[in-house]
């Protein structure tokens, strides 16, 4: 649990969750915020998901 790389993965996954919740909240509420930020939040989520998956893959391959 005290592995710094594992902590980095947890932070990356939490960042994905935060951006996802912001996007879902904006979508549910609608209005000006959603119109201005929905595409930007989607791009951030996809980038963060990619980073998280790459970090997880590196972790699995280096630990096995």
N, C-alpha and C. Protein backbone atom coordinates (compact mmCIF):
# COMPACT_ATOMS: atom_id res chain seq x y z
N UNK A 1 0.81 -1.20 0.00
CA UNK A 1 0.00 0.00 0.00
C UNK A 1 0.85 1.26 0.00
N UNK A 2 2.06 1.18 0.51
CA UNK A 2 2.89 2.37 0.59
C UNK A 2 3.73 2.58 -0.66
N UNK A 3 3.47 1.82 -1.70
CA UNK A 3 4.18 1.95 -2.96
C UNK A 3 3.79 3.28 -3.63
N UNK A 4 4.75 4.15 -3.92
CA UNK A 4 4.43 5.46 -4.52
C UNK A 4 3.75 5.33 -5.88
N UNK A 5 4.11 4.31 -6.65
CA UNK A 5 3.48 4.13 -7.96
C UNK A 5 2.00 3.76 -7.82
N UNK A 6 1.69 2.93 -6.82
CA UNK A 6 0.30 2.57 -6.56
C UNK A 6 -0.50 3.79 -6.13
N UNK A 7 0.10 4.64 -5.32
CA UNK A 7 -0.57 5.88 -4.88
C UNK A 7 -0.83 6.78 -6.08
N UNK A 8 0.12 6.84 -7.02
CA UNK A 8 -0.07 7.63 -8.24
C UNK A 8 -1.24 7.10 -9.07
N UNK A 9 -1.38 5.78 -9.12
CA UNK A 9 -2.50 5.18 -9.84
C UNK A 9 -3.82 5.54 -9.18
N UNK A 10 -3.87 5.47 -7.86
CA UNK A 10 -5.09 5.82 -7.13
C UNK A 10 -5.46 7.28 -7.39
N UNK A 11 -4.49 8.17 -7.40
CA UNK A 11 -4.75 9.59 -7.67
C UNK A 11 -5.29 9.77 -9.09
N UNK A 12 -4.72 9.05 -10.06
CA UNK A 12 -5.18 9.15 -11.44
C UNK A 12 -6.63 8.66 -11.57
N UNK A 13 -6.95 7.57 -10.90
CA UNK A 13 -8.31 7.04 -10.96
C UNK A 13 -9.30 8.00 -10.28
N UNK A 14 -8.89 8.57 -9.17
CA UNK A 14 -9.75 9.55 -8.49
C UNK A 14 -9.96 10.79 -9.34
N UNK A 15 -8.94 11.20 -10.07
CA UNK A 15 -9.08 12.34 -10.97
C UNK A 15 -10.11 12.05 -12.06
N UNK A 16 -10.09 10.82 -12.58
CA UNK A 16 -11.08 10.42 -13.59
C UNK A 16 -12.49 10.49 -12.99
N UNK A 17 -12.64 10.00 -11.77
CA UNK A 17 -13.95 10.02 -11.12
C UNK A 17 -14.44 11.46 -10.91
N UNK A 18 -13.54 12.34 -10.49
CA UNK A 18 -13.92 13.74 -10.26
C UNK A 18 -14.38 14.40 -11.55
N UNK A 19 -13.62 14.23 -12.62
CA UNK A 19 -14.00 14.83 -13.89
C UNK A 19 -15.30 14.22 -14.41
N UNK A 20 -15.47 12.91 -14.24
CA UNK A 20 -16.71 12.25 -14.66
C UNK A 20 -17.91 12.81 -13.90
N UNK A 21 -17.77 12.97 -12.59
CA UNK A 21 -18.87 13.52 -11.79
C UNK A 21 -19.19 14.96 -12.18
N UNK A 22 -18.16 15.73 -12.48
CA UNK A 22 -18.40 17.11 -12.93
C UNK A 22 -19.17 17.11 -14.25
N UNK A 23 -18.79 16.23 -15.15
CA UNK A 23 -19.48 16.14 -16.43
C UNK A 23 -20.92 15.67 -16.29
N UNK A 24 -21.14 14.66 -15.45
CA UNK A 24 -22.50 14.17 -15.23
C UNK A 24 -23.37 15.22 -14.54
N UNK A 25 -22.77 15.92 -13.58
CA UNK A 25 -23.51 16.98 -12.90
C UNK A 25 -23.89 18.11 -13.83
N UNK A 26 -22.96 18.49 -14.69
CA UNK A 26 -23.26 19.53 -15.68
C UNK A 26 -24.31 19.08 -16.68
N UNK A 27 -24.24 17.82 -17.07
CA UNK A 27 -25.22 17.28 -18.01
C UNK A 27 -26.60 17.23 -17.38
N UNK A 28 -26.66 16.84 -16.13
CA UNK A 28 -27.95 16.74 -15.44
C UNK A 28 -28.56 18.11 -15.22
N UNK A 29 -27.73 19.07 -14.88
CA UNK A 29 -28.23 20.42 -14.62
C UNK A 29 -28.53 21.14 -15.92
N UNK A 30 -27.71 20.92 -16.94
CA UNK A 30 -27.89 21.59 -18.22
C UNK A 30 -27.47 23.05 -18.12
N UNK A 31 -27.95 23.85 -19.01
CA UNK A 31 -27.70 25.27 -18.95
C UNK A 31 -26.37 25.70 -19.53
N UNK A 32 -25.93 26.87 -19.09
CA UNK A 32 -24.74 27.50 -19.65
C UNK A 32 -23.47 26.71 -19.35
N UNK A 33 -23.33 26.22 -18.12
CA UNK A 33 -22.12 25.47 -17.76
C UNK A 33 -21.94 24.26 -18.67
N UNK A 34 -23.01 23.51 -18.88
CA UNK A 34 -22.94 22.32 -19.72
C UNK A 34 -22.59 22.69 -21.15
N UNK A 35 -23.20 23.75 -21.66
CA UNK A 35 -22.94 24.15 -23.04
C UNK A 35 -21.48 24.57 -23.24
N UNK A 36 -20.90 25.20 -22.24
CA UNK A 36 -19.54 25.70 -22.38
C UNK A 36 -18.48 24.66 -22.07
N UNK A 37 -18.78 23.70 -21.22
CA UNK A 37 -17.73 22.83 -20.71
C UNK A 37 -17.88 21.35 -21.00
N UNK A 38 -18.95 20.92 -21.63
CA UNK A 38 -19.16 19.48 -21.78
C UNK A 38 -18.07 18.83 -22.63
N UNK A 39 -17.71 19.42 -23.76
CA UNK A 39 -16.68 18.83 -24.61
C UNK A 39 -15.31 18.86 -23.94
N UNK A 40 -15.02 19.95 -23.23
CA UNK A 40 -13.74 20.08 -22.54
C UNK A 40 -13.62 19.02 -21.45
N UNK A 41 -14.69 18.81 -20.69
CA UNK A 41 -14.67 17.81 -19.63
C UNK A 41 -14.54 16.40 -20.21
N UNK A 42 -15.18 16.15 -21.35
CA UNK A 42 -15.07 14.84 -21.98
C UNK A 42 -13.64 14.58 -22.43
N UNK A 43 -13.00 15.59 -22.99
CA UNK A 43 -11.60 15.42 -23.42
C UNK A 43 -10.69 15.17 -22.23
N UNK A 44 -10.90 15.90 -21.13
CA UNK A 44 -10.12 15.69 -19.92
C UNK A 44 -10.32 14.27 -19.39
N UNK A 45 -11.57 13.81 -19.39
CA UNK A 45 -11.86 12.47 -18.88
C UNK A 45 -11.17 11.42 -19.72
N UNK A 46 -11.23 11.55 -21.03
CA UNK A 46 -10.60 10.56 -21.91
C UNK A 46 -9.09 10.56 -21.71
N UNK A 47 -8.49 11.72 -21.60
CA UNK A 47 -7.05 11.81 -21.37
C UNK A 47 -6.65 11.21 -20.04
N UNK A 48 -7.42 11.51 -19.00
CA UNK A 48 -7.11 10.95 -17.67
C UNK A 48 -7.34 9.45 -17.63
N UNK A 49 -8.36 8.97 -18.33
CA UNK A 49 -8.59 7.52 -18.40
C UNK A 49 -7.42 6.84 -19.10
N UNK A 50 -6.95 7.43 -20.17
CA UNK A 50 -5.80 6.87 -20.89
C UNK A 50 -4.59 6.79 -19.97
N UNK A 51 -4.33 7.88 -19.25
CA UNK A 51 -3.21 7.91 -18.31
C UNK A 51 -3.36 6.84 -17.23
N UNK A 52 -4.56 6.71 -16.68
CA UNK A 52 -4.80 5.73 -15.63
C UNK A 52 -4.60 4.30 -16.15
N UNK A 53 -5.09 4.02 -17.34
CA UNK A 53 -4.94 2.67 -17.91
C UNK A 53 -3.47 2.37 -18.19
N UNK A 54 -2.75 3.34 -18.72
CA UNK A 54 -1.32 3.14 -18.99
C UNK A 54 -0.56 2.89 -17.69
N UNK A 55 -0.86 3.67 -16.66
CA UNK A 55 -0.20 3.47 -15.37
C UNK A 55 -0.52 2.11 -14.78
N UNK A 56 -1.77 1.69 -14.88
CA UNK A 56 -2.15 0.36 -14.38
C UNK A 56 -1.44 -0.75 -15.15
N UNK A 57 -1.35 -0.60 -16.47
CA UNK A 57 -0.68 -1.61 -17.28
C UNK A 57 0.81 -1.69 -16.93
N UNK A 58 1.44 -0.54 -16.75
CA UNK A 58 2.86 -0.54 -16.37
C UNK A 58 3.02 -1.19 -15.00
N UNK A 59 2.13 -0.88 -14.09
CA UNK A 59 2.19 -1.47 -12.74
C UNK A 59 2.07 -2.99 -12.79
N UNK A 60 1.11 -3.48 -13.57
CA UNK A 60 0.90 -4.93 -13.66
C UNK A 60 2.10 -5.61 -14.31
N UNK A 61 2.63 -5.03 -15.39
CA UNK A 61 3.75 -5.68 -16.08
C UNK A 61 5.04 -5.62 -15.29
N UNK A 62 5.24 -4.58 -14.50
CA UNK A 62 6.48 -4.50 -13.73
C UNK A 62 6.41 -5.31 -12.43
N UNK A 63 5.23 -5.61 -11.96
CA UNK A 63 5.10 -6.35 -10.71
C UNK A 63 4.95 -7.86 -10.91
N UNK A 64 4.76 -8.29 -12.16
CA UNK A 64 4.59 -9.73 -12.38
C UNK A 64 5.83 -10.38 -12.92
